[in-house]
Structure formats: C-alpha cells, structure tokens
Amino acid sequence: MGTFTPFPNTTYQIQPSSTVWVAAGQKLEDGAFIKVEELSNTMAIDFNIRGRNRVKILHDENNRFVFMME
C-alpha cells in the first residue's frame, strides 16, 4: 500500500482500487509502502460493497473511525 497525508475538509479522487484503507497512529512518510495488517487502527472502505463512490468518515476522540451520513 502507498500512503499520503489527507487534510481536513478536502476531497480526494483515489483510483483505480475500489478498496481504500484509512489508518490512524504514528505518522508515516508520504509515499511509504506499508503492510496494513501491521497497523493497529485501520478501516477498509470498499466502495463496491457500499454501493457509493463518496463516503465521509469521522476519526473521533477515542481513535475510532465512524461512517458519517451524507
């Protein structure tokens, strides 16, 4: 997996994979290749399963990810 640093209130178009992994924790270098299974706080967003091509998630104060309704 490749990495990048997202910014709040910003829209990204990520292609071609239909599954995107979101992770929280120690800062990774942009462009670093990682193994998702080695990270402790991750969420897979599979756009094929969700049936939508836009999602909003909240990273809350308890270090959890929550899907937000649009």
C-alpha atoms as a PDB file:
ATOM      1  CA  MET A   1       0.000   0.000   0.000  1.00  0.00           C
ATOM      2  CA  GLY A   2       1.161   3.520  -0.703  1.00  0.00           C
ATOM      3  CA  THR A   3       0.490   6.394   1.684  1.00  0.00           C
ATOM      4  CA  PHE A   4      -0.398  10.081   1.611  1.00  0.00           C
ATOM      5  CA  THR A   5      -1.438  12.611   4.253  1.00  0.00           C
ATOM      6  CA  PRO A   6      -5.071  13.723   3.929  1.00  0.00           C
ATOM      7  CA  PHE A   7      -6.165  17.193   5.000  1.00  0.00           C
ATOM      8  CA  PRO A   8      -9.481  18.047   6.738  1.00  0.00           C
ATOM      9  CA  ASN A   9     -12.418  19.162   4.596  1.00  0.00           C
ATOM     10  CA  THR A  10     -10.644  18.119   1.401  1.00  0.00           C
ATOM     11  CA  THR A  11     -11.982  15.880  -1.378  1.00  0.00           C
ATOM     12  CA  TYR A  12      -9.706  13.244  -2.929  1.00  0.00           C
ATOM     13  CA  GLN A  13     -10.139  11.087  -6.011  1.00  0.00           C
ATOM     14  CA  ILE A  14      -8.267   7.824  -5.476  1.00  0.00           C
ATOM     15  CA  GLN A  15      -8.054   5.315  -8.326  1.00  0.00           C
ATOM     16  CA  PRO A  16      -8.021   2.535  -9.522  1.00  0.00           C
ATOM     17  CA  SER A  17      -8.642   0.358  -6.414  1.00  0.00           C
ATOM     18  CA  SER A  18     -12.210   0.039  -5.145  1.00  0.00           C
ATOM     19  CA  THR A  19     -10.937  -0.534  -1.573  1.00  0.00           C
ATOM     20  CA  VAL A  20      -9.128   2.189   0.347  1.00  0.00           C
ATOM     21  CA  TRP A  21      -7.580   1.683   3.789  1.00  0.00           C
ATOM     22  CA  VAL A  22      -7.688   4.512   6.338  1.00  0.00           C
ATOM     23  CA  ALA A  23      -5.268   4.339   9.289  1.00  0.00           C
ATOM     24  CA  ALA A  24      -4.547   6.376  12.411  1.00  0.00           C
ATOM     25  CA  GLY A  25      -1.475   6.206  14.554  1.00  0.00           C
ATOM     26  CA  GLN A  26       2.140   7.073  14.125  1.00  0.00           C
ATOM     27  CA  LYS A  27       2.962   9.413  11.250  1.00  0.00           C
ATOM     28  CA  LEU A  28       4.085   7.638   8.109  1.00  0.00           C
ATOM     29  CA  GLU A  29       6.138   9.254   5.403  1.00  0.00           C
ATOM     30  CA  ASP A  30       4.121  10.212   2.317  1.00  0.00           C
ATOM     31  CA  GLY A  31       4.702   7.633  -0.406  1.00  0.00           C
ATOM     32  CA  ALA A  32       5.851   4.947   2.056  1.00  0.00           C
ATOM     33  CA  PHE A  33       4.803   1.372   1.341  1.00  0.00           C
ATOM     34  CA  ILE A  34       3.174  -0.346   4.302  1.00  0.00           C
ATOM     35  CA  LYS A  35       1.519  -3.620   5.308  1.00  0.00           C
ATOM     36  CA  VAL A  36      -1.987  -2.819   6.540  1.00  0.00           C
ATOM     37  CA  GLU A  37      -2.048  -5.901   8.782  1.00  0.00           C
ATOM     38  CA  GLU A  38       0.862  -4.420  10.788  1.00  0.00           C
ATOM     39  CA  LEU A  39      -1.109  -1.283  11.728  1.00  0.00           C
ATOM     40  CA  SER A  40      -3.341  -1.281  14.809  1.00  0.00           C
ATOM     41  CA  ASN A  41      -6.132   1.176  13.919  1.00  0.00           C
ATOM     42  CA  THR A  42      -7.414   0.764  10.370  1.00  0.00           C
ATOM     43  CA  MET A  43     -10.681   0.795   8.447  1.00  0.00           C
ATOM     44  CA  ALA A  44     -11.247  -0.656   4.985  1.00  0.00           C
ATOM     45  CA  ILE A  45     -13.622   1.297   2.767  1.00  0.00           C
ATOM     46  CA  ASP A  46     -14.825  -0.979  -0.036  1.00  0.00           C
ATOM     47  CA  PHE A  47     -16.723   1.188  -2.492  1.00  0.00           C
ATOM     48  CA  ASN A  48     -18.153  -1.874  -4.296  1.00  0.00           C
ATOM     49  CA  ILE A  49     -19.826  -3.099  -1.083  1.00  0.00           C
ATOM     50  CA  ARG A  50     -21.005   0.377  -0.040  1.00  0.00           C
ATOM     51  CA  GLY A  51     -22.591   0.947  -3.467  1.00  0.00           C
ATOM     52  CA  ARG A  52     -21.486   4.590  -3.499  1.00  0.00           C
ATOM     53  CA  ASN A  53     -18.440   6.390  -4.786  1.00  0.00           C
ATOM     54  CA  ARG A  54     -18.396   9.002  -1.978  1.00  0.00           C
ATOM     55  CA  VAL A  55     -18.067   8.452   1.764  1.00  0.00           C
ATOM     56  CA  LYS A  56     -17.459  10.602   4.830  1.00  0.00           C
ATOM     57  CA  ILE A  57     -15.735   9.203   7.886  1.00  0.00           C
ATOM     58  CA  LEU A  58     -15.047  10.731  11.272  1.00  0.00           C
ATOM     59  CA  HIS A  59     -11.891   9.971  13.244  1.00  0.00           C
ATOM     60  CA  ASP A  60     -13.224  10.544  16.768  1.00  0.00           C
ATOM     61  CA  GLU A  61     -11.581  11.430  20.081  1.00  0.00           C
ATOM     62  CA  ASN A  62     -11.465   7.725  21.032  1.00  0.00           C
ATOM     63  CA  ASN A  63      -9.281   6.982  17.973  1.00  0.00           C
ATOM     64  CA  ARG A  64     -12.136   5.181  16.179  1.00  0.00           C
ATOM     65  CA  PHE A  65     -13.440   5.606  12.647  1.00  0.00           C
ATOM     66  CA  VAL A  66     -17.172   6.142  12.114  1.00  0.00           C
ATOM     67  CA  PHE A  67     -19.039   6.406   8.791  1.00  0.00           C
ATOM     68  CA  MET A  68     -20.994   9.653   8.518  1.00  0.00           C
ATOM     69  CA  MET A  69     -24.274  10.012   6.634  1.00  0.00           C
ATOM     70  CA  GLU A  70     -24.271  12.416   3.682  1.00  0.00           C
END
